[in-house]
Every structure is written in C-alpha cells, then in structure tokens.
Amino acid sequence: MNPDEKTLLVVDDEVGIRSALFNLLEDLGYYVITAGDGREALDKLEHVKVDLVITDILMPEMDGLELINHLKKRNPEIRCLAFSGGDPTYLKVGEYMGADRVLGKPFSNDELQDIIVELLT
C-alpha cells in the first residue's frame, strides 16, 4: 500500500488532537484533510473523495455517531475508524452504527497506524 495514494479525513472538535493526528498521518505519507465536527466533515465529503474517515465520537454540532450513520448510508464503501475517551459504551455504539473499527483513547501512534493499514488494505 502506498500511503501517498490514500486520502484520510480526521474529524475532531479538539484542535490539539486534530492537529497532532494531521501531523502524524501526513508524516506517514497520507494526504490528510480535517474537520471540526460531523457537519463540516459531511460538507468536505461533498467535494473530496476519501479512503478513510477517522472520527472522534463525542463532538458538538454533529457527533461521530451521527456522522458514521450518514457516511454508511451515503457511501457504504468508505472505511471508518471511530475513537473516544469517554464511556466505552460509545465505542460499542460506534460499532453498531457501522464503524469498521473503534479505538479507545488514549492510544499509541503505532496502534493507530496498524489499524489504518488494516482498514486500507
């Protein structure tokens, strides 16, 4: 898999986390775009084809669960990784809503990278 050919959308309302993920994934060779919530993510998906959406679950405006629901209805082929540092129940609901993988916070860069490779191959 050539990371340069893959586009990832990172969705998180916390600027620090969004920025850290952007930098990490860009350093790994992916083309990365970001959004601050689910509504902004859906707007960006109208204009850009992405291979993987990486979304936080707990966000204002439109949370990650609602985003996953919209994604899977509109573009079921888009892979989705949902993460949360909140109640583990949110991760179970994320799986139920259609996330291809879920990840509890905090997570390591290696763990994230392994899941991304798995989802994109």
C-alpha atoms as a PDB file:
ATOM      1  CA  MET A   1       0.000   0.000   0.000  1.00  0.00           C
ATOM      2  CA  ASN A   2       1.315   3.415  -0.960  1.00  0.00           C
ATOM      3  CA  PRO A   3       0.175   5.962   1.656  1.00  0.00           C
ATOM      4  CA  ASP A   4       0.616   8.800  -0.864  1.00  0.00           C
ATOM      5  CA  GLU A   5      -2.358   7.498  -2.798  1.00  0.00           C
ATOM      6  CA  LYS A   6      -4.701   7.464   0.195  1.00  0.00           C
ATOM      7  CA  THR A   7      -6.771  10.370   1.496  1.00  0.00           C
ATOM      8  CA  LEU A   8      -7.776  10.437   5.160  1.00  0.00           C
ATOM      9  CA  LEU A   9     -10.337  12.708   6.811  1.00  0.00           C
ATOM     10  CA  VAL A  10      -9.690  13.392  10.503  1.00  0.00           C
ATOM     11  CA  VAL A  11     -12.703  14.684  12.439  1.00  0.00           C
ATOM     12  CA  ASP A  12     -12.294  16.006  15.984  1.00  0.00           C
ATOM     13  CA  ASP A  13     -13.559  19.109  17.768  1.00  0.00           C
ATOM     14  CA  GLU A  14     -10.341  19.453  19.798  1.00  0.00           C
ATOM     15  CA  VAL A  15      -7.838  21.453  17.744  1.00  0.00           C
ATOM     16  CA  GLY A  16      -4.829  19.919  19.523  1.00  0.00           C
ATOM     17  CA  ILE A  17      -5.872  16.340  18.781  1.00  0.00           C
ATOM     18  CA  ARG A  18      -6.864  17.193  15.220  1.00  0.00           C
ATOM     19  CA  SER A  19      -3.511  18.888  14.640  1.00  0.00           C
ATOM     20  CA  ALA A  20      -1.499  16.046  16.209  1.00  0.00           C
ATOM     21  CA  LEU A  21      -3.292  13.449  14.082  1.00  0.00           C
ATOM     22  CA  PHE A  22      -2.854  15.594  10.967  1.00  0.00           C
ATOM     23  CA  ASN A  23       0.895  15.885  11.561  1.00  0.00           C
ATOM     24  CA  LEU A  24       1.354  12.201  12.370  1.00  0.00           C
ATOM     25  CA  LEU A  25      -0.602  10.968   9.370  1.00  0.00           C
ATOM     26  CA  GLU A  26       0.969  13.454   6.981  1.00  0.00           C
ATOM     27  CA  ASP A  27       4.421  12.362   8.206  1.00  0.00           C
ATOM     28  CA  LEU A  28       3.401   8.779   7.395  1.00  0.00           C
ATOM     29  CA  GLY A  29       2.745   9.869   3.812  1.00  0.00           C
ATOM     30  CA  TYR A  30      -1.031  10.200   3.696  1.00  0.00           C
ATOM     31  CA  TYR A  31      -2.940  13.115   2.210  1.00  0.00           C
ATOM     32  CA  VAL A  32      -4.909  14.422   5.203  1.00  0.00           C
ATOM     33  CA  ILE A  33      -7.863  16.783   5.459  1.00  0.00           C
ATOM     34  CA  THR A  34      -9.554  17.747   8.709  1.00  0.00           C
ATOM     35  CA  ALA A  35     -12.926  18.818  10.053  1.00  0.00           C
ATOM     36  CA  GLY A  36     -14.010  20.128  13.447  1.00  0.00           C
ATOM     37  CA  ASP A  37     -17.304  18.208  13.622  1.00  0.00           C
ATOM     38  CA  GLY A  38     -19.522  15.844  11.689  1.00  0.00           C
ATOM     39  CA  ARG A  39     -21.369  18.567   9.821  1.00  0.00           C
ATOM     40  CA  GLU A  40     -18.126  20.063   8.498  1.00  0.00           C
ATOM     41  CA  ALA A  41     -16.931  16.556   7.590  1.00  0.00           C
ATOM     42  CA  LEU A  42     -20.047  15.897   5.503  1.00  0.00           C
ATOM     43  CA  ASP A  43     -19.550  19.224   3.723  1.00  0.00           C
ATOM     44  CA  LYS A  44     -15.958  18.270   2.854  1.00  0.00           C
ATOM     45  CA  LEU A  45     -17.034  14.833   1.670  1.00  0.00           C
ATOM     46  CA  GLU A  46     -19.210  16.536  -0.957  1.00  0.00           C
ATOM     47  CA  HIS A  47     -16.017  17.806  -2.631  1.00  0.00           C
ATOM     48  CA  VAL A  48     -13.283  15.290  -1.811  1.00  0.00           C
ATOM     49  CA  LYS A  49     -13.129  11.508  -2.176  1.00  0.00           C
ATOM     50  CA  VAL A  50     -11.606   9.940   0.928  1.00  0.00           C
ATOM     51  CA  ASP A  51     -10.454   6.414   1.643  1.00  0.00           C
ATOM     52  CA  LEU A  52     -10.808   6.521   5.427  1.00  0.00           C
ATOM     53  CA  VAL A  53     -12.627   8.700   7.953  1.00  0.00           C
ATOM     54  CA  ILE A  54     -11.095   8.849  11.422  1.00  0.00           C
ATOM     55  CA  THR A  55     -13.587  10.442  13.776  1.00  0.00           C
ATOM     56  CA  ASP A  56     -13.985  11.233  17.425  1.00  0.00           C
ATOM     57  CA  ILE A  57     -17.357  10.151  18.750  1.00  0.00           C
ATOM     58  CA  LEU A  58     -18.101  12.925  21.257  1.00  0.00           C
ATOM     59  CA  MET A  59     -18.358  16.280  19.472  1.00  0.00           C
ATOM     60  CA  PRO A  60     -20.782  19.220  19.446  1.00  0.00           C
ATOM     61  CA  GLU A  61     -22.935  20.101  16.408  1.00  0.00           C
ATOM     62  CA  MET A  62     -22.918  16.634  14.830  1.00  0.00           C
ATOM     63  CA  ASP A  63     -21.214  13.883  16.802  1.00  0.00           C
ATOM     64  CA  GLY A  64     -19.258  10.975  15.383  1.00  0.00           C
ATOM     65  CA  LEU A  65     -22.151   8.537  15.730  1.00  0.00           C
ATOM     66  CA  GLU A  66     -24.406  10.678  13.574  1.00  0.00           C
ATOM     67  CA  LEU A  67     -21.541  11.181  11.100  1.00  0.00           C
ATOM     68  CA  ILE A  68     -20.983   7.409  10.830  1.00  0.00           C
ATOM     69  CA  ASN A  69     -24.707   6.894  10.257  1.00  0.00           C
ATOM     70  CA  HIS A  70     -24.711   9.448   7.407  1.00  0.00           C
ATOM     71  CA  LEU A  71     -21.489   8.056   5.937  1.00  0.00           C
ATOM     72  CA  LYS A  72     -22.669   4.478   5.806  1.00  0.00           C
ATOM     73  CA  LYS A  73     -25.998   5.462   4.235  1.00  0.00           C
ATOM     74  CA  ARG A  74     -24.420   7.680   1.559  1.00  0.00           C
ATOM     75  CA  ASN A  75     -21.093   5.951   0.910  1.00  0.00           C
ATOM     76  CA  PRO A  76     -21.002   2.485   2.467  1.00  0.00           C
ATOM     77  CA  GLU A  77     -17.627   1.791   0.850  1.00  0.00           C
ATOM     78  CA  ILE A  78     -15.856   4.484   2.902  1.00  0.00           C
ATOM     79  CA  ARG A  79     -13.931   2.904   5.751  1.00  0.00           C
ATOM     80  CA  CYS A  80     -14.414   4.467   9.183  1.00  0.00           C
ATOM     81  CA  LEU A  81     -12.394   4.401  12.398  1.00  0.00           C
ATOM     82  CA  ALA A  82     -14.125   5.879  15.454  1.00  0.00           C
ATOM     83  CA  PHE A  83     -12.365   6.768  18.687  1.00  0.00           C
ATOM     84  CA  SER A  84     -13.418   8.048  22.088  1.00  0.00           C
ATOM     85  CA  GLY A  85     -12.020   8.682  25.517  1.00  0.00           C
ATOM     86  CA  GLY A  86     -15.473   8.630  27.054  1.00  0.00           C
ATOM     87  CA  ASP A  87     -17.599   5.771  28.304  1.00  0.00           C
ATOM     88  CA  PRO A  88     -16.674   2.524  26.471  1.00  0.00           C
ATOM     89  CA  THR A  89     -20.366   2.177  25.601  1.00  0.00           C
ATOM     90  CA  TYR A  90     -19.814   4.865  22.946  1.00  0.00           C
ATOM     91  CA  LEU A  91     -17.326   2.559  21.190  1.00  0.00           C
ATOM     92  CA  LYS A  92     -19.867  -0.276  21.167  1.00  0.00           C
ATOM     93  CA  VAL A  93     -22.486   2.070  19.716  1.00  0.00           C
ATOM     94  CA  GLY A  94     -19.927   3.213  17.125  1.00  0.00           C
ATOM     95  CA  GLU A  95     -19.506  -0.394  16.001  1.00  0.00           C
ATOM     96  CA  TYR A  96     -23.272  -0.832  15.912  1.00  0.00           C
ATOM     97  CA  MET A  97     -23.627   2.319  13.778  1.00  0.00           C
ATOM     98  CA  GLY A  98     -21.166   0.917  11.235  1.00  0.00           C
ATOM     99  CA  ALA A  99     -17.652   1.950  12.240  1.00  0.00           C
ATOM    100  CA  ASP A 100     -15.229  -0.552  10.739  1.00  0.00           C
ATOM    101  CA  ARG A 101     -13.013  -0.278  13.828  1.00  0.00           C
ATOM    102  CA  VAL A 102     -13.140   1.550  17.144  1.00  0.00           C
ATOM    103  CA  LEU A 103     -10.314   2.710  19.361  1.00  0.00           C
ATOM    104  CA  GLY A 104     -10.310   3.925  22.963  1.00  0.00           C
ATOM    105  CA  LYS A 105      -8.305   6.995  23.956  1.00  0.00           C
ATOM    106  CA  PRO A 106      -5.528   7.239  24.788  1.00  0.00           C
ATOM    107  CA  PHE A 107      -3.975   5.187  22.006  1.00  0.00           C
ATOM    108  CA  SER A 108      -0.440   4.898  20.694  1.00  0.00           C
ATOM    109  CA  ASN A 109       0.722   6.107  17.297  1.00  0.00           C
ATOM    110  CA  ASP A 110       1.725   2.533  16.430  1.00  0.00           C
ATOM    111  CA  GLU A 111      -1.715   1.215  17.350  1.00  0.00           C
ATOM    112  CA  LEU A 112      -3.381   3.867  15.179  1.00  0.00           C
ATOM    113  CA  GLN A 113      -1.007   3.215  12.290  1.00  0.00           C
ATOM    114  CA  ASP A 114      -1.630  -0.555  12.426  1.00  0.00           C
ATOM    115  CA  ILE A 115      -5.406  -0.063  12.298  1.00  0.00           C
ATOM    116  CA  ILE A 116      -5.154   2.400   9.408  1.00  0.00           C
ATOM    117  CA  VAL A 117      -3.044  -0.025   7.380  1.00  0.00           C
ATOM    118  CA  GLU A 118      -5.513  -2.816   8.171  1.00  0.00           C
ATOM    119  CA  LEU A 119      -8.504  -0.730   7.074  1.00  0.00           C
ATOM    120  CA  LEU A 120      -6.872   0.458   3.844  1.00  0.00           C
ATOM    121  CA  THR A 121      -5.666  -2.915   2.593  1.00  0.00           C
END
